[in-house]
Amino acid sequence: MTKRQLICFSIAGGIGIPFYLFTRSHIGNSTALFLMIGLMMPCFLFAMFEKDGLPFEKVLRNIIRTRFLLPKVRPYKTDNFYAFLSRKEEHPIADQSKDSKAGRRKKAS
């Protein structure tokens, strides 16, 4: 038994057993028993349920996020990193003058 299961079972017992003991004289044994089971079931769910390696609260959080918080339709959008290559240059990198010596350095004398 894991620490998680031990804690959840202890919480379930701490909620369910006193509820049963205090209500069975007022509403009857079988009704108090079914109500006790109903009160303890969420704790057992948190202790035992696991889907794809995720505990129940993470699965529940994912369900709430996808159903209610995030948009229903997610459009496919990409950021084209190479889009700048397909565009023409708006500003040339170097001045292209007609002088043939434009890009040359002078020799040091």
PDB file of N, CA and C in Angstrom:
ATOM      1  N   MET A   1       0.849  -1.166   0.000  1.00  0.00           N
ATOM      2  CA  MET A   1       0.000   0.000   0.000  1.00  0.00           C
ATOM      3  C   MET A   1       0.906   1.243   0.000  1.00  0.00           C
ATOM      4  N   THR A   2       0.581   2.175  -0.880  1.00  0.00           N
ATOM      5  CA  THR A   2       1.388   3.378  -0.983  1.00  0.00           C
ATOM      6  C   THR A   2       0.964   4.399   0.073  1.00  0.00           C
ATOM      7  N   LYS A   3       1.794   5.419   0.231  1.00  0.00           N
ATOM      8  CA  LYS A   3       1.480   6.473   1.194  1.00  0.00           C
ATOM      9  C   LYS A   3       0.203   7.210   0.780  1.00  0.00           C
ATOM     10  N   ARG A   4       0.026   7.390  -0.515  1.00  0.00           N
ATOM     11  CA  ARG A   4      -1.161   8.057  -1.040  1.00  0.00           C
ATOM     12  C   ARG A   4      -2.430   7.273  -0.681  1.00  0.00           C
ATOM     13  N   GLN A   5      -2.387   5.967  -0.890  1.00  0.00           N
ATOM     14  CA  GLN A   5      -3.548   5.130  -0.572  1.00  0.00           C
ATOM     15  C   GLN A   5      -3.820   5.128   0.925  1.00  0.00           C
ATOM     16  N   LEU A   6      -2.781   5.067   1.734  1.00  0.00           N
ATOM     17  CA  LEU A   6      -2.948   5.072   3.182  1.00  0.00           C
ATOM     18  C   LEU A   6      -3.613   6.359   3.657  1.00  0.00           C
ATOM     19  N   ILE A   7      -3.186   7.486   3.117  1.00  0.00           N
ATOM     20  CA  ILE A   7      -3.775   8.769   3.511  1.00  0.00           C
ATOM     21  C   ILE A   7      -5.232   8.854   3.073  1.00  0.00           C
ATOM     22  N   CYS A   8      -5.518   8.476   1.829  1.00  0.00           N
ATOM     23  CA  CYS A   8      -6.899   8.560   1.327  1.00  0.00           C
ATOM     24  C   CYS A   8      -7.831   7.594   2.061  1.00  0.00           C
ATOM     25  N   PHE A   9      -7.365   6.380   2.349  1.00  0.00           N
ATOM     26  CA  PHE A   9      -8.198   5.432   3.099  1.00  0.00           C
ATOM     27  C   PHE A   9      -8.448   5.930   4.518  1.00  0.00           C
ATOM     28  N   SER A  10      -7.450   6.567   5.131  1.00  0.00           N
ATOM     29  CA  SER A  10      -7.635   7.117   6.481  1.00  0.00           C
ATOM     30  C   SER A  10      -8.658   8.236   6.476  1.00  0.00           C
ATOM     31  N   ILE A  11      -8.600   9.097   5.473  1.00  0.00           N
ATOM     32  CA  ILE A  11      -9.591  10.180   5.361  1.00  0.00           C
ATOM     33  C   ILE A  11     -10.980   9.598   5.147  1.00  0.00           C
ATOM     34  N   ALA A  12     -11.079   8.575   4.286  1.00  0.00           N
ATOM     35  CA  ALA A  12     -12.383   7.940   4.030  1.00  0.00           C
ATOM     36  C   ALA A  12     -12.934   7.321   5.308  1.00  0.00           C
ATOM     37  N   GLY A  13     -12.080   6.637   6.067  1.00  0.00           N
ATOM     38  CA  GLY A  13     -12.543   6.046   7.329  1.00  0.00           C
ATOM     39  C   GLY A  13     -12.915   7.116   8.342  1.00  0.00           C
ATOM     40  N   GLY A  14     -12.152   8.212   8.383  1.00  0.00           N
ATOM     41  CA  GLY A  14     -12.460   9.295   9.313  1.00  0.00           C
ATOM     42  C   GLY A  14     -13.761   9.993   8.994  1.00  0.00           C
ATOM     43  N   ILE A  15     -14.164   9.983   7.734  1.00  0.00           N
ATOM     44  CA  ILE A  15     -15.440  10.594   7.341  1.00  0.00           C
ATOM     45  C   ILE A  15     -16.583   9.591   7.457  1.00  0.00           C
ATOM     46  N   GLY A  16     -16.382   8.375   6.946  1.00  0.00           N
ATOM     47  CA  GLY A  16     -17.481   7.417   6.815  1.00  0.00           C
ATOM     48  C   GLY A  16     -17.921   6.751   8.094  1.00  0.00           C
ATOM     49  N   ILE A  17     -16.990   6.311   8.917  1.00  0.00           N
ATOM     50  CA  ILE A  17     -17.359   5.559  10.123  1.00  0.00           C
ATOM     51  C   ILE A  17     -18.127   6.427  11.125  1.00  0.00           C
ATOM     52  N   PRO A  18     -17.662   7.635  11.452  1.00  0.00           N
ATOM     53  CA  PRO A  18     -18.479   8.456  12.363  1.00  0.00           C
ATOM     54  C   PRO A  18     -19.848   8.805  11.782  1.00  0.00           C
ATOM     55  N   PHE A  19     -19.892   9.040  10.466  1.00  0.00           N
ATOM     56  CA  PHE A  19     -21.182   9.336   9.839  1.00  0.00           C
ATOM     57  C   PHE A  19     -22.144   8.168  10.027  1.00  0.00           C
ATOM     58  N   TYR A  20     -21.661   6.967   9.801  1.00  0.00           N
ATOM     59  CA  TYR A  20     -22.509   5.785   9.960  1.00  0.00           C
ATOM     60  C   TYR A  20     -22.963   5.620  11.415  1.00  0.00           C
ATOM     61  N   LEU A  21     -22.035   5.775  12.346  1.00  0.00           N
ATOM     62  CA  LEU A  21     -22.374   5.579  13.758  1.00  0.00           C
ATOM     63  C   LEU A  21     -23.380   6.611  14.272  1.00  0.00           C
ATOM     64  N   PHE A  22     -23.289   7.842  13.784  1.00  0.00           N
ATOM     65  CA  PHE A  22     -24.206   8.876  14.261  1.00  0.00           C
ATOM     66  C   PHE A  22     -25.553   8.876  13.538  1.00  0.00           C
ATOM     67  N   THR A  23     -25.626   8.335  12.336  1.00  0.00           N
ATOM     68  CA  THR A  23     -26.887   8.398  11.581  1.00  0.00           C
ATOM     69  C   THR A  23     -27.678   7.094  11.569  1.00  0.00           C
ATOM     70  N   ARG A  24     -27.108   5.980  11.958  1.00  0.00           N
ATOM     71  CA  ARG A  24     -27.845   4.714  11.844  1.00  0.00           C
ATOM     72  C   ARG A  24     -29.041   4.639  12.784  1.00  0.00           C
ATOM     73  N   SER A  25     -28.979   5.330  13.910  1.00  0.00           N
ATOM     74  CA  SER A  25     -30.140   5.287  14.815  1.00  0.00           C
ATOM     75  C   SER A  25     -31.280   6.174  14.310  1.00  0.00           C
ATOM     76  N   HIS A  26     -30.979   7.157  13.486  1.00  0.00           N
ATOM     77  CA  HIS A  26     -32.012   8.079  13.004  1.00  0.00           C
ATOM     78  C   HIS A  26     -32.626   7.657  11.678  1.00  0.00           C
ATOM     79  N   ILE A  27     -31.817   7.130  10.761  1.00  0.00           N
ATOM     80  CA  ILE A  27     -32.349   6.814   9.429  1.00  0.00           C
ATOM     81  C   ILE A  27     -32.304   5.317   9.103  1.00  0.00           C
ATOM     82  N   GLY A  28     -31.804   4.498   9.989  1.00  0.00           N
ATOM     83  CA  GLY A  28     -31.760   3.054   9.751  1.00  0.00           C
ATOM     84  C   GLY A  28     -30.393   2.606   9.264  1.00  0.00           C
ATOM     85  N   ASN A  29     -30.153   1.304   9.465  1.00  0.00           N
ATOM     86  CA  ASN A  29     -28.843   0.727   9.136  1.00  0.00           C
ATOM     87  C   ASN A  29     -28.521   0.768   7.647  1.00  0.00           C
ATOM     88  N   SER A  30     -29.426   0.260   6.826  1.00  0.00           N
ATOM     89  CA  SER A  30     -29.095   0.134   5.403  1.00  0.00           C
ATOM     90  C   SER A  30     -28.966   1.501   4.731  1.00  0.00           C
ATOM     91  N   THR A  31     -29.814   2.446   5.083  1.00  0.00           N
ATOM     92  CA  THR A  31     -29.712   3.786   4.488  1.00  0.00           C
ATOM     93  C   THR A  31     -28.423   4.466   4.929  1.00  0.00           C
ATOM     94  N   ALA A  32     -28.089   4.344   6.218  1.00  0.00           N
ATOM     95  CA  ALA A  32     -26.846   4.941   6.723  1.00  0.00           C
ATOM     96  C   ALA A  32     -25.633   4.280   6.062  1.00  0.00           C
ATOM     97  N   LEU A  33     -25.716   2.987   5.823  1.00  0.00           N
ATOM     98  CA  LEU A  33     -24.619   2.280   5.176  1.00  0.00           C
ATOM     99  C   LEU A  33     -24.407   2.767   3.748  1.00  0.00           C
ATOM    100  N   PHE A  34     -25.500   2.920   2.976  1.00  0.00           N
ATOM    101  CA  PHE A  34     -25.378   3.392   1.603  1.00  0.00           C
ATOM    102  C   PHE A  34     -24.886   4.837   1.546  1.00  0.00           C
ATOM    103  N   LEU A  35     -25.325   5.667   2.464  1.00  0.00           N
ATOM    104  CA  LEU A  35     -24.827   7.046   2.514  1.00  0.00           C
ATOM    105  C   LEU A  35     -23.342   7.085   2.895  1.00  0.00           C
ATOM    106  N   MET A  36     -22.941   6.204   3.807  1.00  0.00           N
ATOM    107  CA  MET A  36     -21.537   6.121   4.187  1.00  0.00           C
ATOM    108  C   MET A  36     -20.677   5.707   2.983  1.00  0.00           C
ATOM    109  N   ILE A  37     -21.147   4.739   2.224  1.00  0.00           N
ATOM    110  CA  ILE A  37     -20.426   4.310   1.026  1.00  0.00           C
ATOM    111  C   ILE A  37     -20.337   5.457   0.028  1.00  0.00           C
ATOM    112  N   GLY A  38     -21.429   6.194  -0.139  1.00  0.00           N
ATOM    113  CA  GLY A  38     -21.424   7.347  -1.044  1.00  0.00           C
ATOM    114  C   GLY A  38     -20.454   8.429  -0.612  1.00  0.00           C
ATOM    115  N   LEU A  39     -20.320   8.640   0.690  1.00  0.00           N
ATOM    116  CA  LEU A  39     -19.376   9.639   1.192  1.00  0.00           C
ATOM    117  C   LEU A  39     -17.927   9.181   1.069  1.00  0.00           C
ATOM    118  N   MET A  40     -17.690   7.898   1.208  1.00  0.00           N
ATOM    119  CA  MET A  40     -16.325   7.379   1.168  1.00  0.00           C
ATOM    120  C   MET A  40     -15.816   7.117  -0.251  1.00  0.00           C
ATOM    121  N   MET A  41     -16.715   6.990  -1.206  1.00  0.00           N
ATOM    122  CA  MET A  41     -16.317   6.637  -2.576  1.00  0.00           C
ATOM    123  C   MET A  41     -15.367   7.650  -3.220  1.00  0.00           C
ATOM    124  N   PRO A  42     -15.550   8.973  -3.078  1.00  0.00           N
ATOM    125  CA  PRO A  42     -14.573   9.894  -3.684  1.00  0.00           C
ATOM    126  C   PRO A  42     -13.160   9.714  -3.133  1.00  0.00           C
ATOM    127  N   CYS A  43     -13.041   9.411  -1.852  1.00  0.00           N
ATOM    128  CA  CYS A  43     -11.713   9.183  -1.277  1.00  0.00           C
ATOM    129  C   CYS A  43     -11.074   7.930  -1.866  1.00  0.00           C
ATOM    130  N   PHE A  44     -11.860   6.875  -2.055  1.00  0.00           N
ATOM    131  CA  PHE A  44     -11.336   5.662  -2.682  1.00  0.00           C
ATOM    132  C   PHE A  44     -10.941   5.929  -4.140  1.00  0.00           C
ATOM    133  N   LEU A  45     -11.722   6.764  -4.799  1.00  0.00           N
ATOM    134  CA  LEU A  45     -11.409   7.122  -6.180  1.00  0.00           C
ATOM    135  C   LEU A  45     -10.070   7.840  -6.263  1.00  0.00           C
ATOM    136  N   PHE A  46      -9.845   8.814  -5.368  1.00  0.00           N
ATOM    137  CA  PHE A  46      -8.568   9.520  -5.350  1.00  0.00           C
ATOM    138  C   PHE A  46      -7.410   8.584  -4.996  1.00  0.00           C
ATOM    139  N   ALA A  47      -7.681   7.558  -4.196  1.00  0.00           N
ATOM    140  CA  ALA A  47      -6.607   6.643  -3.783  1.00  0.00           C
ATOM    141  C   ALA A  47      -6.255   5.637  -4.871  1.00  0.00           C
ATOM    142  N   MET A  48      -7.225   5.120  -5.586  1.00  0.00           N
ATOM    143  CA  MET A  48      -6.991   3.970  -6.449  1.00  0.00           C
ATOM    144  C   MET A  48      -6.946   4.270  -7.943  1.00  0.00           C
ATOM    145  N   PHE A  49      -7.633   5.302  -8.395  1.00  0.00           N
ATOM    146  CA  PHE A  49      -7.753   5.540  -9.836  1.00  0.00           C
ATOM    147  C   PHE A  49      -6.449   6.100 -10.396  1.00  0.00           C
ATOM    148  N   GLU A  50      -6.008   5.514 -11.491  1.00  0.00           N
ATOM    149  CA  GLU A  50      -4.814   5.986 -12.180  1.00  0.00           C
ATOM    150  C   GLU A  50      -4.965   5.656 -13.652  1.00  0.00           C
ATOM    151  N   LYS A  51      -4.759   6.654 -14.502  1.00  0.00           N
ATOM    152  CA  LYS A  51      -4.875   6.445 -15.932  1.00  0.00           C
ATOM    153  C   LYS A  51      -3.609   6.962 -16.598  1.00  0.00           C
ATOM    154  N   ASP A  52      -2.975   6.133 -17.380  1.00  0.00           N
ATOM    155  CA  ASP A  52      -1.736   6.478 -18.083  1.00  0.00           C
ATOM    156  C   ASP A  52      -0.665   7.005 -17.138  1.00  0.00           C
ATOM    157  N   GLY A  53      -0.622   6.489 -15.927  1.00  0.00           N
ATOM    158  CA  GLY A  53       0.383   6.904 -14.964  1.00  0.00           C
ATOM    159  C   GLY A  53       0.064   8.197 -14.237  1.00  0.00           C
ATOM    160  N   LEU A  54      -1.100   8.777 -14.489  1.00  0.00           N
ATOM    161  CA  LEU A  54      -1.490  10.032 -13.834  1.00  0.00           C
ATOM    162  C   LEU A  54      -2.506   9.755 -12.743  1.00  0.00           C
ATOM    163  N   PRO A  55      -2.362  10.381 -11.575  1.00  0.00           N
ATOM    164  CA  PRO A  55      -3.376  10.219 -10.533  1.00  0.00           C
ATOM    165  C   PRO A  55      -4.665  10.941 -10.915  1.00  0.00           C
ATOM    166  N   PHE A  56      -5.727  10.659 -10.153  1.00  0.00           N
ATOM    167  CA  PHE A  56      -7.062  11.127 -10.514  1.00  0.00           C
ATOM    168  C   PHE A  56      -7.162  12.647 -10.597  1.00  0.00           C
ATOM    169  N   GLU A  57      -6.507  13.372  -9.690  1.00  0.00           N
ATOM    170  CA  GLU A  57      -6.656  14.831  -9.715  1.00  0.00           C
ATOM    171  C   GLU A  57      -6.018  15.441 -10.963  1.00  0.00           C
ATOM    172  N   LYS A  58      -4.964  14.847 -11.487  1.00  0.00           N
ATOM    173  CA  LYS A  58      -4.366  15.355 -12.722  1.00  0.00           C
ATOM    174  C   LYS A  58      -5.237  15.009 -13.930  1.00  0.00           C
ATOM    175  N   VAL A  59      -5.839  13.829 -13.915  1.00  0.00           N
ATOM    176  CA  VAL A  59      -6.762  13.456 -14.984  1.00  0.00           C
ATOM    177  C   VAL A  59      -7.969  14.380 -14.962  1.00  0.00           C
ATOM    178  N   LEU A  60      -8.490  14.657 -13.770  1.00  0.00           N
ATOM    179  CA  LEU A  60      -9.635  15.556 -13.630  1.00  0.00           C
ATOM    180  C   LEU A  60      -9.281  16.971 -14.096  1.00  0.00           C
ATOM    181  N   ARG A  61      -8.081  17.446 -13.759  1.00  0.00           N
ATOM    182  CA  ARG A  61      -7.646  18.773 -14.199  1.00  0.00           C
ATOM    183  C   ARG A  61      -7.550  18.833 -15.719  1.00  0.00           C
ATOM    184  N   ASN A  62      -7.031  17.785 -16.347  1.00  0.00           N
ATOM    185  CA  ASN A  62      -6.938  17.761 -17.806  1.00  0.00           C
ATOM    186  C   ASN A  62      -8.315  17.749 -18.463  1.00  0.00           C
ATOM    187  N   ILE A  63      -9.249  17.011 -17.890  1.00  0.00           N
ATOM    188  CA  ILE A  63     -10.608  16.965 -18.440  1.00  0.00           C
ATOM    189  C   ILE A  63     -11.256  18.339 -18.342  1.00  0.00           C
ATOM    190  N   ILE A  64     -11.128  18.997 -17.205  1.00  0.00           N
ATOM    191  CA  ILE A  64     -11.724  20.326 -17.026  1.00  0.00           C
ATOM    192  C   ILE A  64     -11.097  21.332 -17.981  1.00  0.00           C
ATOM    193  N   ARG A  65      -9.775  21.267 -18.137  1.00  0.00           N
ATOM    194  CA  ARG A  65      -9.107  22.207 -19.046  1.00  0.00           C
ATOM    195  C   ARG A  65      -9.555  22.007 -20.484  1.00  0.00           C
ATOM    196  N   THR A  66      -9.657  20.760 -20.944  1.00  0.00           N
ATOM    197  CA  THR A  66     -10.006  20.531 -22.339  1.00  0.00           C
ATOM    198  C   THR A  66     -11.484  20.751 -22.619  1.00  0.00           C
ATOM    199  N   ARG A  67     -12.339  20.500 -21.652  1.00  0.00           N
ATOM    200  CA  ARG A  67     -13.775  20.662 -21.881  1.00  0.00           C
ATOM    201  C   ARG A  67     -14.263  22.091 -21.699  1.00  0.00           C
ATOM    202  N   PHE A  68     -13.714  22.810 -20.723  1.00  0.00           N
ATOM    203  CA  PHE A  68     -14.289  24.093 -20.353  1.00  0.00           C
ATOM    204  C   PHE A  68     -13.357  25.290 -20.549  1.00  0.00           C
ATOM    205  N   LEU A  69     -12.081  25.150 -20.296  1.00  0.00           N
ATOM    206  CA  LEU A  69     -11.195  26.305 -20.269  1.00  0.00           C
ATOM    207  C   LEU A  69     -10.522  26.605 -21.604  1.00  0.00           C
ATOM    208  N   LEU A  70     -10.091  25.597 -22.305  1.00  0.00           N
ATOM    209  CA  LEU A  70      -9.404  25.800 -23.571  1.00  0.00           C
ATOM    210  C   LEU A  70     -10.403  25.838 -24.721  1.00  0.00           C
ATOM    211  N   PRO A  71     -10.048  26.476 -25.846  1.00  0.00           N
ATOM    212  CA  PRO A  71     -10.983  26.521 -26.975  1.00  0.00           C
ATOM    213  C   PRO A  71     -11.251  25.136 -27.543  1.00  0.00           C
ATOM    214  N   LYS A  72     -12.461  24.950 -28.070  1.00  0.00           N
ATOM    215  CA  LYS A  72     -12.862  23.640 -28.602  1.00  0.00           C
ATOM    216  C   LYS A  72     -12.088  23.293 -29.871  1.00  0.00           C
ATOM    217  N   VAL A  73     -11.990  24.261 -30.787  1.00  0.00           N
ATOM    218  CA  VAL A  73     -11.296  24.019 -32.046  1.00  0.00           C
ATOM    219  C   VAL A  73      -9.944  24.710 -31.970  1.00  0.00           C
ATOM    220  N   ARG A  74      -8.908  23.934 -32.190  1.00  0.00           N
ATOM    221  CA  ARG A  74      -7.562  24.501 -32.157  1.00  0.00           C
ATOM    222  C   ARG A  74      -7.040  24.557 -33.585  1.00  0.00           C
ATOM    223  N   PRO A  75      -6.990  25.742 -34.175  1.00  0.00           N
ATOM    224  CA  PRO A  75      -6.510  25.834 -35.556  1.00  0.00           C
ATOM    225  C   PRO A  75      -5.028  25.515 -35.648  1.00  0.00           C
ATOM    226  N   TYR A  76      -4.668  24.944 -36.766  1.00  0.00           N
ATOM    227  CA  TYR A  76      -3.280  24.572 -36.992  1.00  0.00           C
ATOM    228  C   TYR A  76      -2.550  25.799 -37.526  1.00  0.00           C
ATOM    229  N   LYS A  77      -1.627  26.309 -36.748  1.00  0.00           N
ATOM    230  CA  LYS A  77      -0.852  27.475 -37.157  1.00  0.00           C
ATOM    231  C   LYS A  77       0.623  27.146 -36.972  1.00  0.00           C
ATOM    232  N   THR A  78       1.396  27.573 -37.948  1.00  0.00           N
ATOM    233  CA  THR A  78       2.833  27.379 -37.829  1.00  0.00           C
ATOM    234  C   THR A  78       3.527  28.722 -37.971  1.00  0.00           C
ATOM    235  N   ASP A  79       4.672  28.831 -37.382  1.00  0.00           N
ATOM    236  CA  ASP A  79       5.532  29.986 -37.576  1.00  0.00           C
ATOM    237  C   ASP A  79       6.621  29.552 -38.547  1.00  0.00           C
ATOM    238  N   ASN A  80       6.559  30.092 -39.753  1.00  0.00           N
ATOM    239  CA  ASN A  80       7.513  29.717 -40.778  1.00  0.00           C
ATOM    240  C   ASN A  80       8.808  30.475 -40.540  1.00  0.00           C
ATOM    241  N   PHE A  81       9.788  29.770 -40.057  1.00  0.00           N
ATOM    242  CA  PHE A  81      11.075  30.379 -39.724  1.00  0.00           C
ATOM    243  C   PHE A  81      11.811  30.848 -40.967  1.00  0.00           C
ATOM    244  N   TYR A  82      11.577  30.191 -42.086  1.00  0.00           N
ATOM    245  CA  TYR A  82      12.301  30.497 -43.311  1.00  0.00           C
ATOM    246  C   TYR A  82      11.515  31.400 -44.250  1.00  0.00           C
ATOM    247  N   ALA A  83      10.485  32.048 -43.776  1.00  0.00           N
ATOM    248  CA  ALA A  83       9.686  32.918 -44.633  1.00  0.00           C
ATOM    249  C   ALA A  83      10.485  34.110 -45.118  1.00  0.00           C
ATOM    250  N   PHE A  84      11.441  34.531 -44.344  1.00  0.00           N
ATOM    251  CA  PHE A  84      12.241  35.687 -44.771  1.00  0.00           C
ATOM    252  C   PHE A  84      13.080  35.376 -46.003  1.00  0.00           C
ATOM    253  N   LEU A  85      13.364  34.131 -46.281  1.00  0.00           N
ATOM    254  CA  LEU A  85      14.134  33.774 -47.472  1.00  0.00           C
ATOM    255  C   LEU A  85      13.322  33.923 -48.754  1.00  0.00           C
ATOM    256  N   SER A  86      12.026  33.738 -48.655  1.00  0.00           N
ATOM    257  CA  SER A  86      11.208  33.804 -49.852  1.00  0.00           C
ATOM    258  C   SER A  86      10.840  35.241 -50.219  1.00  0.00           C
ATOM    259  N   ARG A  87      10.949  36.159 -49.277  1.00  0.00           N
ATOM    260  CA  ARG A  87      10.655  37.559 -49.573  1.00  0.00           C
ATOM    261  C   ARG A  87      11.849  38.219 -50.249  1.00  0.00           C
ATOM    262  N   LYS A  88      11.549  39.245 -51.060  1.00  0.00           N
ATOM    263  CA  LYS A  88      12.633  40.028 -51.637  1.00  0.00           C
ATOM    264  C   LYS A  88      13.175  40.937 -50.547  1.00  0.00           C
ATOM    265  N   GLU A  89      14.414  41.284 -50.691  1.00  0.00           N
ATOM    266  CA  GLU A  89      15.012  42.188 -49.734  1.00  0.00           C
ATOM    267  C   GLU A  89      14.420  43.575 -49.913  1.00  0.00           C
ATOM    268  N   GLU A  90      13.950  44.133 -48.837  1.00  0.00           N
ATOM    269  CA  GLU A  90      13.398  45.480 -48.905  1.00  0.00           C
ATOM    270  C   GLU A  90      14.514  46.513 -48.860  1.00  0.00           C
ATOM    271  N   HIS A  91      15.515  46.266 -48.068  1.00  0.00           N
ATOM    272  CA  HIS A  91      16.676  47.143 -47.975  1.00  0.00           C
ATOM    273  C   HIS A  91      17.904  46.305 -48.283  1.00  0.00           C
ATOM    274  N   PRO A  92      18.671  46.703 -49.275  1.00  0.00           N
ATOM    275  CA  PRO A  92      19.864  45.906 -49.590  1.00  0.00           C
ATOM    276  C   PRO A  92      20.856  45.940 -48.440  1.00  0.00           C
ATOM    277  N   ILE A  93      21.602  44.866 -48.320  1.00  0.00           N
ATOM    278  CA  ILE A  93      22.553  44.737 -47.232  1.00  0.00           C
ATOM    279  C   ILE A  93      23.723  45.694 -47.424  1.00  0.00           C
ATOM    280  N   ALA A  94      24.251  45.758 -48.630  1.00  0.00           N
ATOM    281  CA  ALA A  94      25.379  46.645 -48.923  1.00  0.00           C
ATOM    282  C   ALA A  94      24.985  47.573 -50.059  1.00  0.00           C
ATOM    283  N   ASP A  95      25.562  48.779 -50.067  1.00  0.00           N
ATOM    284  CA  ASP A  95      25.316  49.709 -51.169  1.00  0.00           C
ATOM    285  C   ASP A  95      26.026  49.194 -52.412  1.00  0.00           C
ATOM    286  N   GLN A  96      25.300  49.133 -53.466  1.00  0.00           N
ATOM    287  CA  GLN A  96      25.902  48.663 -54.709  1.00  0.00           C
ATOM    288  C   GLN A  96      26.103  49.863 -55.621  1.00  0.00           C
ATOM    289  N   SER A  97      27.282  50.391 -55.561  1.00  0.00           N
ATOM    290  CA  SER A  97      27.593  51.547 -56.396  1.00  0.00           C
ATOM    291  C   SER A  97      28.272  51.077 -57.676  1.00  0.00           C
ATOM    292  N   LYS A  98      28.347  51.969 -58.639  1.00  0.00           N
ATOM    293  CA  LYS A  98      28.931  51.632 -59.938  1.00  0.00           C
ATOM    294  C   LYS A  98      30.448  51.639 -59.894  1.00  0.00           C
ATOM    295  N   ASP A  99      30.988  52.231 -58.843  1.00  0.00           N
ATOM    296  CA  ASP A  99      32.444  52.283 -58.725  1.00  0.00           C
ATOM    297  C   ASP A  99      32.970  50.891 -58.412  1.00  0.00           C
ATOM    298  N   SER A 100      33.960  50.448 -59.145  1.00  0.00           N
ATOM    299  CA  SER A 100      34.473  49.095 -58.954  1.00  0.00           C
ATOM    300  C   SER A 100      35.327  48.975 -57.711  1.00  0.00           C
ATOM    301  N   LYS A 101      35.802  50.093 -57.190  1.00  0.00           N
ATOM    302  CA  LYS A 101      36.637  50.071 -56.000  1.00  0.00           C
ATOM    303  C   LYS A 101      35.810  50.313 -54.738  1.00  0.00           C
ATOM    304  N   ALA A 102      34.534  50.208 -54.824  1.00  0.00           N
ATOM    305  CA  ALA A 102      33.666  50.564 -53.708  1.00  0.00           C
ATOM    306  C   ALA A 102      33.890  49.689 -52.490  1.00  0.00           C
ATOM    307  N   GLY A 103      34.110  48.417 -52.666  1.00  0.00           N
ATOM    308  CA  GLY A 103      34.230  47.534 -51.531  1.00  0.00           C
ATOM    309  C   GLY A 103      35.663  47.227 -51.143  1.00  0.00           C
ATOM    310  N   ARG A 104      36.654  47.839 -51.795  1.00  0.00           N
ATOM    311  CA  ARG A 104      38.047  47.528 -51.524  1.00  0.00           C
ATOM    312  C   ARG A 104      38.635  48.476 -50.510  1.00  0.00           C
ATOM    313  N   ARG A 105      39.588  47.979 -49.799  1.00  0.00           N
ATOM    314  CA  ARG A 105      40.326  48.815 -48.845  1.00  0.00           C
ATOM    315  C   ARG A 105      41.527  49.440 -49.529  1.00  0.00           C
ATOM    316  N   LYS A 106      41.939  50.518 -48.972  1.00  0.00           N
ATOM    317  CA  LYS A 106      43.161  51.153 -49.470  1.00  0.00           C
ATOM    318  C   LYS A 106      44.357  50.447 -48.879  1.00  0.00           C
ATOM    319  N   LYS A 107      45.405  50.370 -49.644  1.00  0.00           N
ATOM    320  CA  LYS A 107      46.637  49.765 -49.156  1.00  0.00           C
ATOM    321  C   LYS A 107      47.320  50.745 -48.219  1.00  0.00           C
ATOM    322  N   ALA A 108      47.845  50.203 -47.141  1.00  0.00           N
ATOM    323  CA  ALA A 108      48.570  51.051 -46.194  1.00  0.00           C
ATOM    324  C   ALA A 108      49.955  51.345 -46.767  1.00  0.00           C
ATOM    325  N   SER A 109      50.378  52.621 -46.806  1.00  0.00           N
ATOM    326  CA  SER A 109      51.696  52.924 -47.330  1.00  0.00           C
ATOM    327  C   SER A 109      52.608  53.487 -46.292  1.00  0.00           C
TER     328      SER A 109
END
